[in-house]
Protein backbone atom coordinates (compact mmCIF):
# COMPACT_ATOMS: atom_id res chain seq x y z
CA MET A 1 -28.32 -55.77 13.87
CA THR A 2 -25.31 -54.05 12.34
CA THR A 3 -23.44 -51.65 14.60
CA GLN A 4 -22.32 -48.51 12.82
CA ARG A 5 -18.74 -47.43 13.39
CA PRO A 6 -18.65 -44.07 15.23
CA LEU A 7 -17.84 -40.94 13.24
CA PRO A 8 -14.39 -39.39 13.61
CA THR A 9 -14.23 -36.48 16.02
CA LEU A 10 -14.57 -32.95 14.66
CA ASP A 11 -11.02 -32.06 15.77
CA LEU A 12 -9.59 -34.82 13.56
CA VAL A 13 -11.65 -33.63 10.58
CA ARG A 14 -10.66 -29.99 11.08
CA GLY A 15 -6.99 -30.91 11.36
CA PHE A 16 -7.15 -33.00 8.19
CA ASP A 17 -9.07 -30.25 6.35
CA ALA A 18 -6.40 -27.66 7.17
CA ALA A 19 -3.58 -30.01 6.18
CA ALA A 20 -5.33 -30.89 2.91
CA ARG A 21 -5.89 -27.23 1.98
CA HIS A 22 -2.30 -26.21 2.71
CA LEU A 23 -0.67 -29.54 1.83
CA SER A 24 1.50 -28.81 4.83
CA PHE A 25 1.27 -29.94 8.46
CA THR A 26 3.26 -26.88 9.52
CA LYS A 27 0.92 -24.36 7.87
CA ALA A 28 -2.13 -26.26 9.15
CA ALA A 29 -0.70 -26.08 12.66
CA THR A 30 -0.19 -22.31 12.33
CA GLU A 31 -3.79 -21.82 11.21
CA LEU A 32 -5.25 -23.88 14.06
CA PHE A 33 -2.76 -22.69 16.73
CA LEU A 34 -1.42 -26.21 17.25
CA THR A 35 1.99 -27.81 16.88
CA GLN A 36 3.10 -29.56 13.73
CA SER A 37 3.32 -32.85 15.61
CA ALA A 38 -0.26 -32.42 16.88
CA ILE A 39 -1.58 -32.06 13.32
CA SER A 40 0.47 -35.09 12.26
CA ARG A 41 -1.03 -37.15 15.08
CA GLN A 42 -4.56 -36.01 14.18
CA VAL A 43 -4.13 -37.03 10.54
CA LYS A 44 -2.62 -40.37 11.57
CA ALA A 45 -5.50 -41.03 13.97
CA LEU A 46 -8.04 -40.20 11.22
CA GLU A 47 -6.29 -42.52 8.77
CA GLU A 48 -6.38 -45.33 11.34
CA HIS A 49 -10.05 -44.63 12.03
CA LEU A 50 -10.90 -44.78 8.32
CA GLY A 51 -8.53 -47.61 7.56
CA VAL A 52 -7.02 -45.85 4.54
CA ALA A 53 -4.12 -43.52 3.77
CA LEU A 54 -5.20 -39.93 3.09
CA PHE A 55 -1.79 -38.51 2.16
CA GLN A 56 1.30 -39.63 0.33
CA ARG A 57 4.19 -38.38 2.45
CA ARG A 58 7.00 -37.45 0.10
CA HIS A 59 10.28 -35.67 0.70
CA ARG A 60 9.30 -32.16 1.84
CA ALA A 61 5.84 -32.56 0.28
CA LEU A 62 2.35 -33.87 1.00
CA VAL A 63 0.07 -35.20 -1.74
CA LEU A 64 -3.54 -36.25 -1.26
CA THR A 65 -4.36 -39.81 -2.22
CA GLU A 66 -7.52 -40.50 -4.21
CA ALA A 67 -9.27 -41.44 -0.97
CA GLY A 68 -7.90 -38.27 0.59
CA ARG A 69 -9.32 -36.11 -2.20
CA HIS A 70 -12.77 -37.68 -1.86
CA PHE A 71 -12.80 -37.38 1.93
CA HIS A 72 -11.53 -33.79 1.79
CA GLN A 73 -14.38 -32.77 -0.51
CA ALA A 74 -16.89 -34.37 1.85
CA ALA A 75 -15.21 -32.78 4.89
CA THR A 76 -15.23 -29.36 3.20
CA ASP A 77 -18.96 -29.57 2.48
CA ALA A 78 -19.78 -30.87 5.96
CA LEU A 79 -17.80 -28.13 7.73
CA ARG A 80 -19.37 -25.48 5.51
CA LEU A 81 -22.88 -26.71 6.33
CA LEU A 82 -22.07 -26.68 10.05
CA ARG A 83 -20.71 -23.12 9.84
CA GLU A 84 -23.72 -21.87 7.90
CA ALA A 85 -26.11 -23.51 10.36
CA ALA A 86 -24.23 -21.95 13.27
CA VAL A 87 -24.48 -18.52 11.62
CA ARG A 88 -28.24 -18.91 11.14
CA VAL A 89 -28.82 -20.09 14.71
CA ARG A 90 -26.55 -17.45 16.19
CA GLY A 91 -28.16 -14.75 14.05
CA GLY A 92 -31.51 -15.37 15.71
CA ALA A 93 -30.10 -15.01 19.21
CA ALA A 94 -27.58 -12.20 18.89
CA ARG A 95 -26.74 -9.23 16.68
CA ARG A 96 -22.99 -9.50 16.77
CA LEU A 97 -20.81 -8.46 13.85
CA THR A 98 -17.21 -9.61 13.39
CA VAL A 99 -15.00 -7.50 11.13
CA SER A 100 -11.56 -8.61 9.98
CA THR A 101 -8.85 -6.22 8.83
CA THR A 102 -5.24 -5.38 9.49
CA ILE A 103 -4.00 -3.83 12.70
CA GLY A 104 -2.98 -0.62 10.99
CA PHE A 105 -6.25 -0.06 9.14
CA ALA A 106 -8.22 -0.86 12.29
CA SER A 107 -6.16 1.56 14.40
CA LEU A 108 -5.83 4.42 11.94
CA TRP A 109 -9.10 4.34 9.97
CA LEU A 110 -11.84 2.06 11.26
CA ILE A 111 -11.82 2.45 15.03
CA PRO A 112 -11.86 6.29 14.97
CA ARG A 113 -15.11 6.07 12.95
CA LEU A 114 -16.92 3.37 14.94
CA ASN A 115 -18.67 5.88 17.19
CA ASP A 116 -20.65 7.02 14.16
CA PHE A 117 -21.79 3.47 13.38
CA ARG A 118 -22.64 2.79 17.03
CA ALA A 119 -24.68 6.01 17.21
CA ARG A 120 -26.73 4.90 14.19
CA HIS A 121 -27.01 1.23 15.21
CA PRO A 122 -26.66 0.96 19.01
CA ASP A 123 -28.28 -2.50 18.96
CA ILE A 124 -25.43 -4.06 16.95
CA ASP A 125 -22.42 -5.43 18.82
CA ILE A 126 -19.10 -5.28 16.99
CA ARG A 127 -15.96 -7.38 17.28
CA ILE A 128 -12.82 -6.22 15.47
CA ASP A 129 -10.52 -9.11 14.52
CA ALA A 130 -7.33 -7.23 13.64
CA ASN A 131 -4.40 -9.41 12.65
CA ASN A 132 -1.90 -10.01 9.87
CA ARG A 133 -2.25 -13.73 9.25
CA LEU A 134 -3.92 -16.00 6.72
CA ILE A 135 -7.58 -16.51 7.58
CA ASP A 136 -10.59 -18.23 6.08
CA LEU A 137 -13.61 -15.98 6.64
CA ALA A 138 -16.11 -18.80 7.07
CA ARG A 139 -13.85 -20.96 9.18
CA GLU A 140 -12.95 -18.07 11.49
CA GLU A 141 -16.61 -16.95 11.65
CA ILE A 142 -15.81 -13.55 10.11
CA ASP A 143 -18.78 -11.62 8.71
CA VAL A 144 -16.95 -8.81 6.90
CA ALA A 145 -13.34 -8.34 5.80
CA ILE A 146 -11.64 -5.14 4.67
CA ARG A 147 -8.77 -5.93 2.35
CA TYR A 148 -5.96 -4.07 0.57
CA CYS A 149 -4.66 -5.11 -2.84
CA THR A 150 -4.42 -4.24 -6.52
CA PRO A 151 -7.68 -4.41 -8.54
CA GLU A 152 -6.45 -7.55 -10.28
CA LEU A 153 -6.08 -9.37 -6.96
CA ALA A 154 -9.37 -8.22 -5.42
CA PRO A 155 -11.37 -11.26 -4.21
CA ALA A 156 -14.46 -12.28 -6.14
CA GLY A 157 -17.46 -10.37 -4.80
CA ALA A 158 -15.39 -7.62 -3.15
CA GLN A 159 -16.54 -4.00 -3.41
CA ARG A 160 -14.02 -1.20 -3.81
CA LEU A 161 -13.93 1.38 -1.02
CA PHE A 162 -11.18 3.80 -2.09
CA GLY A 163 -7.69 4.03 -3.48
CA GLU A 164 -4.75 5.87 -1.99
CA GLN A 165 -1.90 8.26 -2.62
CA VAL A 166 1.36 8.42 -0.69
CA ILE A 167 2.50 11.70 0.90
CA VAL A 168 5.23 12.96 3.22
CA VAL A 169 4.00 13.68 6.76
CA CYS A 170 5.47 14.86 10.05
CA SER A 171 4.45 16.77 13.18
CA PRO A 172 4.00 20.56 12.85
CA ASN A 173 6.96 21.22 15.14
CA ARG A 174 9.32 19.12 13.05
CA ALA A 175 8.18 20.86 9.85
CA ASP A 176 9.04 24.23 11.41
CA ALA A 177 12.39 23.31 12.96
CA PRO A 178 14.75 22.47 11.40
CA GLY A 179 12.39 23.24 8.51
CA LEU A 180 11.00 21.16 5.66
CA ALA A 181 10.01 23.27 2.67
CA GLU A 182 11.44 21.16 -0.16
CA PRO A 183 12.59 17.54 -0.60
CA ALA A 184 16.29 18.40 -0.23
CA ASP A 185 15.55 19.56 3.35
CA LEU A 186 15.05 15.90 4.31
CA ALA A 187 18.81 15.78 4.83
CA ARG A 188 18.22 17.62 8.15
CA HIS A 189 15.59 15.16 9.39
CA ILE A 190 15.25 11.65 10.77
CA LEU A 191 13.36 9.41 8.33
CA LEU A 192 10.83 6.90 9.66
CA HIS A 193 10.96 3.70 7.60
CA TYR A 194 8.21 1.13 7.10
CA GLU A 195 10.13 -2.16 7.04
CA ARG A 196 8.11 -5.12 5.87
CA PRO A 197 9.62 -8.49 6.75
CA ASP A 198 9.66 -9.47 3.06
CA GLY A 199 11.22 -6.16 1.99
CA GLY A 200 8.18 -5.22 -0.12
CA ALA A 201 5.89 -2.14 -0.26
CA PRO A 202 8.22 -0.07 -2.47
CA TRP A 203 5.58 2.68 -2.69
CA LEU A 204 6.27 3.36 1.02
CA SER A 205 10.05 3.08 0.70
CA TRP A 206 12.17 6.18 1.23
CA SER A 207 14.88 4.90 -1.10
CA VAL A 208 12.36 4.54 -3.93
CA TRP A 209 10.75 7.90 -3.14
CA LEU A 210 14.09 9.70 -3.13
CA GLU A 211 15.04 8.05 -6.41
CA VAL A 212 11.78 9.22 -8.00
CA GLN A 213 12.54 12.73 -6.77
CA ARG A 214 16.11 12.40 -8.14
CA LEU A 215 17.54 12.91 -4.68
CA GLN A 216 19.48 9.66 -4.27
CA SER A 217 22.39 11.63 -2.81
CA VAL A 218 20.37 12.96 0.13
CA LYS A 219 21.63 11.51 3.43
CA PRO A 220 19.15 11.93 6.30
CA ALA A 221 20.15 12.88 9.83
CA GLY A 222 19.10 9.41 11.02
CA SER A 223 16.49 6.70 10.66
CA ILE A 224 14.05 4.62 12.71
CA GLY A 225 12.45 1.45 11.31
CA PHE A 226 9.02 -0.02 12.07
CA THR A 227 7.37 -3.27 10.99
CA ALA A 228 3.87 -1.93 11.75
CA LEU A 229 2.48 1.11 9.94
CA ASP A 230 0.41 2.36 12.89
CA HIS A 231 3.58 2.49 15.01
CA LEU A 232 5.32 4.49 12.30
CA ILE A 233 2.46 7.00 12.10
CA GLN A 234 2.39 7.38 15.88
CA ALA A 235 6.11 8.13 15.84
CA ALA A 236 5.49 10.82 13.23
CA VAL A 237 2.72 12.34 15.38
CA ASP A 238 5.12 12.37 18.34
CA GLY A 239 7.67 14.35 16.32
CA GLN A 240 10.25 11.57 16.07
CA GLY A 241 10.79 11.96 12.33
CA VAL A 242 9.32 12.25 8.83
CA ALA A 243 7.25 9.43 7.30
CA LEU A 244 5.68 8.33 4.03
CA ALA A 245 1.99 7.60 4.58
CA PRO A 246 -1.13 6.56 2.62
CA THR A 247 -3.60 9.45 2.49
CA PRO A 248 -6.73 7.59 3.74
CA LEU A 249 -4.97 6.47 6.92
CA VAL A 250 -3.66 9.92 7.92
CA ARG A 251 -6.27 12.33 6.55
CA ARG A 252 -7.94 12.88 9.93
CA LEU A 253 -4.59 13.38 11.62
CA LEU A 254 -3.85 16.06 9.02
CA ALA A 255 -7.27 17.66 9.44
CA ASP A 256 -6.95 18.06 13.21
CA GLY A 257 -3.38 19.35 12.99
CA ARG A 258 -1.55 16.44 14.59
CA LEU A 259 0.28 15.91 11.29
CA VAL A 260 1.18 18.18 8.39
CA ALA A 261 2.11 17.41 4.77
CA PRO A 262 4.92 19.93 4.16
CA LEU A 263 5.87 18.79 0.64
CA LYS A 264 3.74 18.89 -2.50
CA ALA A 265 5.15 15.63 -3.89
CA VAL A 266 2.42 12.97 -4.17
CA THR A 267 2.86 9.44 -5.50
CA GLY A 268 0.45 6.59 -6.16
CA SER A 269 0.56 2.95 -5.12
CA GLY A 270 -1.98 1.34 -7.48
CA ARG A 271 -3.62 -0.32 -4.47
CA ALA A 272 -7.10 0.12 -3.04
CA TRP A 273 -9.17 -0.99 -0.08
CA TYR A 274 -12.02 -3.47 -0.64
CA LEU A 275 -15.04 -4.64 1.33
CA LEU A 276 -15.67 -8.39 1.31
CA VAL A 277 -18.76 -9.97 2.93
CA GLU A 278 -18.72 -13.66 3.82
CA PRO A 279 -21.51 -15.25 1.69
CA ALA A 280 -23.18 -17.03 4.60
CA SER A 281 -23.45 -13.70 6.49
CA ALA A 282 -24.61 -11.55 3.57
CA ALA A 283 -28.33 -11.95 4.29
CA ARG A 284 -28.07 -10.92 7.96
CA PRO A 285 -29.61 -7.44 8.39
CA HIS A 286 -26.89 -6.06 10.68
CA VAL A 287 -24.14 -7.25 8.33
CA ARG A 288 -25.93 -5.50 5.47
CA ARG A 289 -26.20 -2.30 7.53
CA PHE A 290 -22.49 -2.33 8.29
CA GLY A 291 -21.68 -2.81 4.61
CA GLU A 292 -23.91 0.12 3.66
CA TRP A 293 -22.27 2.27 6.35
CA MET A 294 -18.78 1.35 5.09
CA LEU A 295 -19.67 2.34 1.53
CA GLN A 296 -21.06 5.66 2.78
CA GLN A 297 -17.91 6.29 4.80
CA ALA A 298 -15.82 5.47 1.72
CA GLU A 299 -17.71 8.06 -0.34
CA GLU A 300 -17.15 10.66 2.36
CA GLU A 301 -13.47 9.70 2.55
CA VAL A 302 -12.96 10.35 -1.17
CA ARG A 303 -14.70 13.74 -1.05
CA ALA A 304 -12.93 14.82 2.13
CA ASN A 305 -9.62 13.82 0.60
CA VAL A 306 -10.28 16.08 -2.40
CA GLU A 307 -11.32 19.04 -0.26
CA GLN A 308 -8.37 18.66 2.09
CA PHE A 309 -5.64 18.27 -0.51
CA TYR A 310 -7.05 20.36 -3.36
CA GLY A 311 -9.37 22.87 -1.68
CA ARG A 312 -12.96 23.84 -2.44
CA THR A 313 -12.23 26.42 -5.14
CA ARG A 314 -12.88 25.75 -8.81
CA THR A 315 -9.25 25.76 -9.84
CA ARG A 316 -7.89 23.47 -12.51
CA VAL A 317 -6.44 21.21 -9.81
CA ALA A 318 -9.74 21.10 -7.93
CA ARG A 319 -11.62 20.23 -11.11
CA ALA A 320 -9.10 17.48 -11.80
CA ALA A 321 -9.62 16.25 -8.25
CA GLU A 322 -13.38 16.20 -8.74
CA SER A 323 -12.79 14.12 -11.83
CA ALA A 324 -10.85 11.75 -9.60
CA VAL A 325 -13.91 11.53 -7.33
CA ARG A 326 -16.09 10.61 -10.31
CA LEU A 327 -13.50 8.05 -11.42
CA GLU A 328 -13.36 6.57 -7.94
CA SER A 329 -17.15 6.38 -7.83
CA GLY A 330 -17.18 4.71 -11.25
CA MET A 331 -14.61 2.14 -10.16
CA ARG A 332 -16.65 1.49 -7.02
CA ALA A 333 -19.77 0.99 -9.15
CA GLN A 334 -17.92 -1.48 -11.35
CA SER A 335 -16.73 -3.30 -8.25
CA ALA A 336 -20.29 -3.44 -6.90
CA ALA A 337 -21.55 -4.81 -10.23
CA ARG A 338 -18.93 -7.56 -10.09
CA ALA A 339 -19.99 -8.33 -6.52
CA ARG A 340 -23.65 -8.66 -7.57
CA THR A 341 -22.67 -10.90 -10.46
CA SER A 342 -20.64 -13.04 -8.08
CA ALA A 343 -23.59 -13.25 -5.67
CA ARG A 344 -25.94 -14.40 -8.45
CA ALA A 345 -23.44 -17.01 -9.53
CA GLU A 346 -23.04 -18.42 -6.03
CA PRO A 347 -25.93 -20.95 -6.15
CA ALA A 348 -24.65 -22.37 -9.42
CA ALA A 349 -21.15 -22.51 -8.02
CA ARG A 350 -22.35 -24.49 -5.04
CA ALA A 351 -23.83 -27.04 -7.42
CA LYS A 352 -20.37 -27.52 -8.88
CA PRO A 353 -17.96 -28.00 -5.98
CA ALA A 354 -14.92 -28.16 -8.23
CA ALA A 355 -15.68 -24.65 -9.51
CA ARG A 356 -16.67 -23.10 -6.17
CA ALA A 357 -14.36 -20.35 -4.94
CA ARG A 358 -13.53 -20.24 -1.26
CA SER A 359 -14.08 -17.12 0.79
CA VAL A 360 -10.48 -16.87 1.84
CA ALA A 361 -8.74 -13.56 2.54
CA ARG A 362 -5.16 -12.87 3.44
CA SER A 363 -4.50 -10.48 6.31
CA THR A 364 -0.81 -10.14 5.79
CA LEU A 365 1.12 -7.97 3.37
CA PRO A 366 0.37 -6.21 0.05
CA GLY A 367 2.00 -6.85 -3.27
CA SER A 368 1.19 -10.56 -3.46
CA THR A 369 0.72 -12.65 -6.55
CA GLN A 370 -2.04 -14.65 -4.87
CA PRO A 371 -4.89 -15.76 -7.12
CA ALA A 372 -8.31 -14.10 -7.02
CA GLY A 373 -10.18 -15.04 -3.86
CA ARG A 374 -7.16 -14.31 -1.76
CA THR A 375 -5.68 -10.97 -1.00
CA ARG A 376 -2.56 -9.95 0.75
CA THR A 377 -2.74 -7.06 3.14
CA PRO A 378 0.03 -4.90 4.62
CA ARG A 379 0.89 -4.78 8.29
CA ARG A 380 -1.19 -1.70 8.83
């Protein structure tokens, strides 16, 4: 009787899978919350177990061997099947929904609206996974992701929620004293800066904004920098200075009077927020209900934005704003059509592993040149 050699442990397979996807032990370690040396040991142990080299270790580079490519494809399929089975089993025992987005969007937009969802669906438990790191939706057991990017970088199957404009905001007290009636008055105020680690997000940069307004010579009374947008907005609410902010994330603060928009200058960013459902979770009823609720909230957000910034009267500006609502709705419909097309193509894609797109989303910063299927998200 032939004795079968035992299978490698799941930890070794997961460590190899992460290293093979990133072609980096360091990035794999970051994803799995391990050390670089731990990933290296896992890969070495797997190679010894299989009796074959899985990587060529070159100077500052990893390259999969032919055996490594074959084993990685098998490992990818096996881990996917395990995740999908876990989702199905867990779906029968619990009605828990995990939503991934950035810290800023969770704090400023999503969490203030969750009471409405809970009132409509009290039987659904929600977990908010707010972070700014690279995640794989399936691997991290995420049901729904809310992502921020340009239309060209929107992941396959994502549905558009809404775009944004950038406005100047501050507390009512700061707008009154020392006064902020026109852009040149910024010289009397402290400016709150959103400082991304990579120096990006020019649409939220005061230097760019002042240049657009032809006020490069304006020297503010002081400045405070923040690497997280929700911290910057809180500082504005507390009267610590004047900030540039995306309209969807501050509209409610403007509506209840905690912030004001003293200047008429409005700029665009070209970015939008998108809803992405992990394919293995799409058929779960409570995931579908959350997606429907998000789309309804997005529609209300667009209309409320028009009423708040342009008023209800039939002025030329209001009519133009209503046209913007129709345009936004049309773009959302196009996004939904692309999502349905992507969903129909999924079975065929699974039959061709080389062509299958991964459900990977980036919860970091905007302005990336990542390929479709990955998005970069700001620290919001």
